[in-house]
């Protein structure tokens, strides 16, 4: 059994030395969660799966029907069609098996762990996970949410590029409500962007970046390549409080830019609709995530919808308006 080298060395080098909660430590290859350690290993041999006795062991399957979650004897098994297998035991020991002859197997292993394994463990510890991007500037921290294809990544990257916002995490917005407020938990400051947008909007060369293993149209891009003048937060010295949640509502190019405040009752329904990977959730996990949404809304977190013209030529204007409005 060998420890998994999650991503190429240059991937870690691009992250610098930020102390982020779920990045595998380069020297020990052990991933640290917010408050304790998770042992993660790569297995050369296939992972043994207990006999599946009934459909009650089945939790859910993703919309592409190539990844499913099973919980057998309180242990998690993530099965994929042709990509590999991951298990998480009761002590949060994670094992990953991805065929090494699979192109991009390292990134696929990382995807399994970061997008499926980590969320299971973080939810168990009481964190709320929403499908969006966290960005920060001065004393403002925004979580941008929206349906797939609504332009979350493009708008986020544009806010970094045009207005100097800092990316805290891509795709997974992790927050924790405490007695003193709502904390935004930094993740990995690397985005998944389409090669076309990377070149046309941000003047970067797609071939300089690693392809996302499961999507040949996207590449991994460190956020500092997009916003070279962005001031980085010292995570050790500064607690990050979530101030705004923005839910994207793209409109026709002729429509105005409008930011609308949501009332708490409407916010619960909208935020529940934007939970991260809801197909992964057991009933008790869904109830726990809904309770965390309600707890968060008891604090001074503004939830707004952003109605904006979906026109690539108006992106800088949209970023300017959002930068001023929040």
Protein backbone atom coordinates (compact mmCIF):
# COMPACT_ATOMS: atom_id res chain seq x y z
CA UNK A 1 0.00 0.00 0.00
CA UNK A 2 1.53 3.31 -1.07
CA UNK A 3 0.56 6.83 -0.12
CA UNK A 4 -1.13 8.69 -2.94
CA UNK A 5 0.66 11.56 -4.62
CA UNK A 6 -2.52 13.53 -5.19
CA UNK A 7 -1.42 15.99 -7.81
CA UNK A 8 1.77 16.76 -9.69
CA UNK A 9 4.49 18.55 -7.73
CA UNK A 10 3.92 21.80 -9.61
CA UNK A 11 0.30 21.78 -8.44
CA UNK A 12 1.46 22.04 -4.84
CA UNK A 13 4.17 24.56 -5.73
CA UNK A 14 1.53 26.85 -7.20
CA UNK A 15 -0.33 26.87 -3.89
CA UNK A 16 2.75 28.23 -2.09
CA UNK A 17 2.75 27.63 1.65
CA UNK A 18 -0.83 28.54 2.52
CA UNK A 19 -2.12 26.65 5.56
CA UNK A 20 -5.40 25.41 4.11
CA UNK A 21 -7.72 22.97 5.81
CA UNK A 22 -7.89 20.05 3.42
CA UNK A 23 -4.76 20.22 1.28
CA UNK A 24 -2.56 17.12 1.73
CA UNK A 25 0.65 18.14 3.45
CA UNK A 26 3.54 17.86 0.97
CA UNK A 27 6.00 16.24 3.35
CA UNK A 28 3.78 13.80 5.22
CA UNK A 29 1.11 13.14 2.55
CA UNK A 30 -1.46 13.31 5.35
CA UNK A 31 -4.47 15.58 4.85
CA UNK A 32 -5.47 17.76 7.80
CA UNK A 33 -9.04 18.73 8.39
CA UNK A 34 -10.02 21.84 10.31
CA UNK A 35 -9.57 20.18 13.69
CA UNK A 36 -8.01 16.73 13.26
CA UNK A 37 -6.24 14.44 10.81
CA UNK A 38 -7.57 12.19 8.10
CA UNK A 39 -5.30 9.36 6.96
CA UNK A 40 -5.42 9.00 3.19
CA UNK A 41 -3.71 6.21 1.28
CA UNK A 42 -3.59 4.91 -2.26
CA UNK A 43 -4.07 1.15 -2.61
CA UNK A 44 -2.36 -0.76 -5.41
CA UNK A 45 -4.83 -3.63 -4.97
CA UNK A 46 -8.60 -3.32 -5.37
CA UNK A 47 -10.45 -2.33 -2.21
CA UNK A 48 -12.53 -5.12 -0.70
CA UNK A 49 -16.25 -4.29 -0.59
CA UNK A 50 -18.61 -6.10 1.82
CA UNK A 51 -21.58 -7.90 0.33
CA UNK A 52 -24.40 -5.53 -0.51
CA UNK A 53 -27.39 -7.07 1.27
CA UNK A 54 -30.15 -4.68 0.25
CA UNK A 55 -30.93 -1.40 -1.45
CA UNK A 56 -31.05 0.17 2.02
CA UNK A 57 -27.24 0.30 1.74
CA UNK A 58 -27.59 2.53 -1.33
CA UNK A 59 -27.50 6.32 -0.77
CA UNK A 60 -27.52 7.85 -4.24
CA UNK A 61 -26.04 8.20 -7.71
CA UNK A 62 -24.90 11.33 -9.55
CA UNK A 63 -26.72 12.77 -12.55
CA UNK A 64 -24.19 11.28 -15.01
CA UNK A 65 -24.85 7.84 -13.46
CA UNK A 66 -21.13 7.07 -13.11
CA UNK A 67 -20.60 7.61 -9.35
CA UNK A 68 -22.62 6.05 -6.52
CA UNK A 69 -22.40 6.08 -2.72
CA UNK A 70 -23.11 3.08 -0.49
CA UNK A 71 -23.04 2.97 3.32
CA UNK A 72 -22.45 -0.57 4.60
CA UNK A 73 -21.97 -1.22 8.32
CA UNK A 74 -21.47 2.54 8.87
CA UNK A 75 -18.59 2.66 6.39
CA UNK A 76 -18.72 4.60 3.12
CA UNK A 77 -17.94 3.20 -0.32
CA UNK A 78 -17.80 5.41 -3.42
CA UNK A 79 -18.06 3.31 -6.59
CA UNK A 80 -17.32 4.76 -10.01
CA UNK A 81 -17.80 3.44 -13.51
CA UNK A 82 -14.27 3.02 -14.85
CA UNK A 83 -12.63 5.67 -12.64
CA UNK A 84 -11.86 3.86 -9.41
CA UNK A 85 -13.09 3.24 -5.87
CA UNK A 86 -12.85 5.03 -2.52
CA UNK A 87 -13.68 3.86 0.99
CA UNK A 88 -14.00 5.79 4.27
CA UNK A 89 -14.11 3.80 7.50
CA UNK A 90 -15.57 4.77 10.89
CA UNK A 91 -12.28 6.43 11.94
CA UNK A 92 -12.12 8.51 8.74
CA UNK A 93 -9.32 6.45 7.23
CA UNK A 94 -9.63 6.98 3.47
CA UNK A 95 -8.46 4.48 0.85
CA UNK A 96 -8.44 5.25 -2.87
CA UNK A 97 -7.88 2.87 -5.77
CA UNK A 98 -7.67 4.31 -9.30
CA UNK A 99 -6.29 2.24 -12.19
CA UNK A 100 -2.84 3.61 -12.97
CA UNK A 101 -3.34 2.97 -16.67
CA UNK A 102 -6.22 5.47 -16.60
CA UNK A 103 -5.19 8.79 -18.18
CA UNK A 104 -5.15 11.49 -15.51
CA UNK A 105 -5.44 8.91 -12.70
CA UNK A 106 -3.74 11.19 -10.16
CA UNK A 107 -6.23 13.99 -10.74
CA UNK A 108 -9.13 11.51 -10.70
CA UNK A 109 -7.95 10.25 -7.30
CA UNK A 110 -7.76 13.84 -6.10
CA UNK A 111 -11.26 14.51 -7.45
CA UNK A 112 -12.70 11.50 -5.62
CA UNK A 113 -11.11 12.59 -2.36
CA UNK A 114 -11.66 16.35 -2.55
CA UNK A 115 -15.13 16.46 -4.10
CA UNK A 116 -16.71 13.40 -2.45
CA UNK A 117 -14.59 12.12 0.45
CA UNK A 118 -13.89 15.42 2.18
CA UNK A 119 -17.54 16.59 2.04
CA UNK A 120 -18.73 13.39 3.73
CA UNK A 121 -16.28 13.92 6.58
CA UNK A 122 -16.89 17.68 6.92
CA UNK A 123 -20.67 17.23 7.10
CA UNK A 124 -20.20 14.66 9.84
CA UNK A 125 -18.31 17.34 11.79
CA UNK A 126 -21.12 19.88 11.47
CA UNK A 127 -19.98 21.99 8.52
CA UNK A 128 -22.42 23.32 5.93
CA UNK A 129 -21.40 22.67 2.31
CA UNK A 130 -22.91 24.68 -0.54
CA UNK A 131 -22.18 24.40 -4.27
CA UNK A 132 -20.35 27.62 -5.04
CA UNK A 133 -17.21 29.72 -4.91
CA UNK A 134 -15.90 31.72 -1.94
CA UNK A 135 -14.17 35.04 -2.65
CA UNK A 136 -12.85 37.75 -0.32
CA UNK A 137 -11.86 41.40 -0.51
CA UNK A 138 -11.11 43.64 2.48
CA UNK A 139 -13.81 42.92 5.10
CA UNK A 140 -16.24 41.29 2.65
CA UNK A 141 -16.51 37.56 1.94
CA UNK A 142 -18.96 36.40 -0.72
CA UNK A 143 -20.24 32.92 -1.52
CA UNK A 144 -21.38 32.79 -5.16
CA UNK A 145 -24.01 30.13 -5.84
CA UNK A 146 -25.91 29.08 -8.95
CA UNK A 147 -27.02 26.21 -11.11
CA UNK A 148 -24.39 24.39 -13.21
CA UNK A 149 -23.83 26.42 -16.34
CA UNK A 150 -24.99 29.72 -14.80
CA UNK A 151 -21.49 31.18 -14.92
CA UNK A 152 -20.21 30.80 -11.32
CA UNK A 153 -16.63 30.10 -12.33
CA UNK A 154 -16.55 32.71 -15.09
CA UNK A 155 -17.95 35.45 -12.84
CA UNK A 156 -15.69 34.44 -9.96
CA UNK A 157 -12.58 34.51 -12.15
CA UNK A 158 -13.70 37.87 -13.57
CA UNK A 159 -14.08 39.34 -10.07
CA UNK A 160 -10.52 38.22 -9.38
CA UNK A 161 -9.25 39.55 -12.73
CA UNK A 162 -11.06 42.90 -12.88
CA UNK A 163 -11.60 43.82 -9.22
CA UNK A 164 -8.83 42.12 -7.25
CA UNK A 165 -10.97 39.72 -5.21
CA UNK A 166 -9.25 36.71 -3.67
CA UNK A 167 -10.38 33.13 -4.27
CA UNK A 168 -10.82 31.17 -1.05
CA UNK A 169 -12.26 28.01 -2.59
CA UNK A 170 -13.69 26.75 -5.86
CA UNK A 171 -16.85 24.67 -6.28
CA UNK A 172 -17.29 23.88 -2.56
CA UNK A 173 -18.31 26.63 -0.16
CA UNK A 174 -17.65 25.38 3.38
CA UNK A 175 -19.04 27.42 6.28
CA UNK A 176 -19.31 26.86 10.03
CA UNK A 177 -21.75 28.67 12.30
CA UNK A 178 -20.37 29.33 15.78
CA UNK A 179 -21.53 31.38 18.76
CA UNK A 180 -19.69 34.40 17.35
CA UNK A 181 -20.80 34.27 13.71
CA UNK A 182 -20.49 32.40 10.43
CA UNK A 183 -16.97 31.36 9.45
CA UNK A 184 -15.95 30.90 5.82
CA UNK A 185 -13.45 28.03 5.61
CA UNK A 186 -10.67 28.50 3.03
CA UNK A 187 -10.22 25.67 0.57
CA UNK A 188 -7.94 25.33 -2.42
CA UNK A 189 -7.32 28.56 -4.43
CA UNK A 190 -7.36 26.77 -7.76
CA UNK A 191 -10.18 27.03 -10.30
CA UNK A 192 -11.54 24.77 -13.00
CA UNK A 193 -12.02 26.92 -16.10
CA UNK A 194 -12.83 26.13 -19.71
CA UNK A 195 -9.89 26.45 -22.07
CA UNK A 196 -11.88 28.84 -24.27
CA UNK A 197 -12.63 31.32 -21.46
CA UNK A 198 -9.12 31.05 -20.08
CA UNK A 199 -7.72 32.25 -23.38
CA UNK A 200 -10.41 34.71 -24.52
CA UNK A 201 -11.10 36.42 -21.19
CA UNK A 202 -7.90 36.18 -19.19
CA UNK A 203 -5.24 35.91 -21.92
CA UNK A 204 -3.75 32.71 -20.47
CA UNK A 205 -2.57 29.70 -22.47
CA UNK A 206 -4.60 26.56 -21.65
CA UNK A 207 -1.77 24.17 -22.57
CA UNK A 208 0.25 25.55 -19.65
CA UNK A 209 -2.20 23.96 -17.22
CA UNK A 210 -3.23 20.44 -16.22
CA UNK A 211 -6.46 19.10 -17.68
CA UNK A 212 -9.26 18.20 -15.28
CA UNK A 213 -9.21 14.40 -15.41
CA UNK A 214 -12.94 13.93 -15.92
CA UNK A 215 -13.54 16.94 -18.21
CA UNK A 216 -11.24 17.53 -21.18
CA UNK A 217 -12.68 21.02 -21.77
CA UNK A 218 -11.50 22.36 -18.40
CA UNK A 219 -8.09 22.93 -16.82
CA UNK A 220 -6.87 23.61 -13.27
CA UNK A 221 -5.78 27.27 -12.91
CA UNK A 222 -4.23 28.79 -9.74
CA UNK A 223 -6.19 31.93 -8.90
CA UNK A 224 -3.04 34.04 -8.58
CA UNK A 225 -2.43 33.51 -12.30
CA UNK A 226 -5.74 35.27 -12.93
CA UNK A 227 -5.39 38.05 -10.37
CA UNK A 228 -1.69 38.72 -10.03
CA UNK A 229 -2.19 41.84 -7.84
CA UNK A 230 -4.62 40.25 -5.38
CA UNK A 231 -3.66 40.75 -1.74
CA UNK A 232 -3.56 37.38 0.03
CA UNK A 233 -5.14 36.82 3.43
CA UNK A 234 -3.02 35.54 6.32
CA UNK A 235 -5.28 32.66 7.34
CA UNK A 236 -3.40 32.04 10.57
CA UNK A 237 -3.95 35.60 11.81
CA UNK A 238 -7.35 36.48 10.37
CA UNK A 239 -10.66 34.82 11.04
CA UNK A 240 -12.82 34.98 7.89
CA UNK A 241 -16.50 35.74 8.43
CA UNK A 242 -19.04 35.18 5.67
CA UNK A 243 -20.90 38.42 4.87
CA UNK A 244 -22.83 37.83 1.61
CA UNK A 245 -24.35 34.97 -0.33
CA UNK A 246 -25.05 35.78 -3.99
CA UNK A 247 -27.31 33.49 -6.03
CA UNK A 248 -26.84 33.92 -9.78
CA UNK A 249 -29.83 34.48 -12.05
CA UNK A 250 -28.54 35.04 -15.61
CA UNK A 251 -30.84 37.10 -17.83
CA UNK A 252 -30.99 38.23 -21.44
CA UNK A 253 -28.16 40.60 -22.53
CA UNK A 254 -30.59 43.54 -22.64
CA UNK A 255 -31.71 43.15 -19.00
CA UNK A 256 -30.32 45.40 -16.21
CA UNK A 257 -28.11 44.31 -13.32
CA UNK A 258 -30.31 43.90 -10.23
CA UNK A 259 -29.42 42.69 -6.74
CA UNK A 260 -32.48 41.56 -4.74
CA UNK A 261 -32.55 40.81 -1.02
CA UNK A 262 -34.14 37.49 0.02
CA UNK A 263 -36.10 37.09 3.23
CA UNK A 264 -35.05 34.27 5.61
CA UNK A 265 -38.05 32.10 4.71
CA UNK A 266 -37.18 32.20 1.01
CA UNK A 267 -33.47 31.86 1.73
CA UNK A 268 -33.89 28.45 3.38
CA UNK A 269 -35.54 26.99 0.27
CA UNK A 270 -33.05 28.55 -2.15
CA UNK A 271 -29.97 27.55 -0.14
CA UNK A 272 -31.30 24.01 0.34
CA UNK A 273 -31.51 23.82 -3.45
CA UNK A 274 -27.81 24.75 -3.63
CA UNK A 275 -26.42 22.13 -1.24
CA UNK A 276 -23.22 20.52 -2.47
CA UNK A 277 -23.76 17.13 -4.15
CA UNK A 278 -27.23 16.57 -2.67
CA UNK A 279 -27.37 13.12 -4.28
CA UNK A 280 -24.71 12.07 -1.74
CA UNK A 281 -26.84 12.85 1.29
CA UNK A 282 -28.57 10.42 3.59
CA UNK A 283 -31.82 11.60 5.16
CA UNK A 284 -30.15 12.50 8.47
CA UNK A 285 -27.41 14.39 6.61
CA UNK A 286 -29.96 16.38 4.63
CA UNK A 287 -31.76 17.30 7.86
CA UNK A 288 -28.45 18.31 9.46
CA UNK A 289 -27.51 20.51 6.49
CA UNK A 290 -30.93 22.21 6.58
CA UNK A 291 -30.50 22.91 10.31
CA UNK A 292 -27.10 24.46 9.58
CA UNK A 293 -28.69 26.73 6.97
CA UNK A 294 -31.24 27.91 9.53
CA UNK A 295 -28.51 28.50 12.14
CA UNK A 296 -26.49 30.53 9.64
CA UNK A 297 -29.46 32.74 8.77
CA UNK A 298 -29.79 33.77 12.44
CA UNK A 299 -26.63 35.80 11.93
CA UNK A 300 -25.94 38.87 9.80
CA UNK A 301 -25.39 37.08 6.48
CA UNK A 302 -27.07 38.80 3.53
CA UNK A 303 -28.66 36.45 0.97
CA UNK A 304 -29.32 38.09 -2.41
CA UNK A 305 -30.10 37.12 -5.98
CA UNK A 306 -28.02 38.73 -8.72
CA UNK A 307 -29.97 39.17 -11.94
CA UNK A 308 -27.37 39.98 -14.56
CA UNK A 309 -27.16 40.13 -18.37
CA UNK A 310 -25.41 37.03 -19.66
CA UNK A 311 -23.10 38.61 -22.18
CA UNK A 312 -19.36 38.04 -22.16
CA UNK A 313 -18.85 41.63 -23.30
CA UNK A 314 -20.63 42.93 -20.19
CA UNK A 315 -18.67 40.89 -17.64
CA UNK A 316 -16.45 43.76 -16.53
CA UNK A 317 -19.52 45.96 -15.99
CA UNK A 318 -21.27 43.22 -13.99
CA UNK A 319 -18.17 42.82 -11.82
CA UNK A 320 -18.03 46.58 -11.24
CA UNK A 321 -21.68 46.69 -10.18
CA UNK A 322 -21.32 43.68 -7.86
CA UNK A 323 -18.12 45.10 -6.39
CA UNK A 324 -19.95 48.33 -5.53
CA UNK A 325 -23.26 46.82 -4.44
CA UNK A 326 -21.88 44.51 -1.77
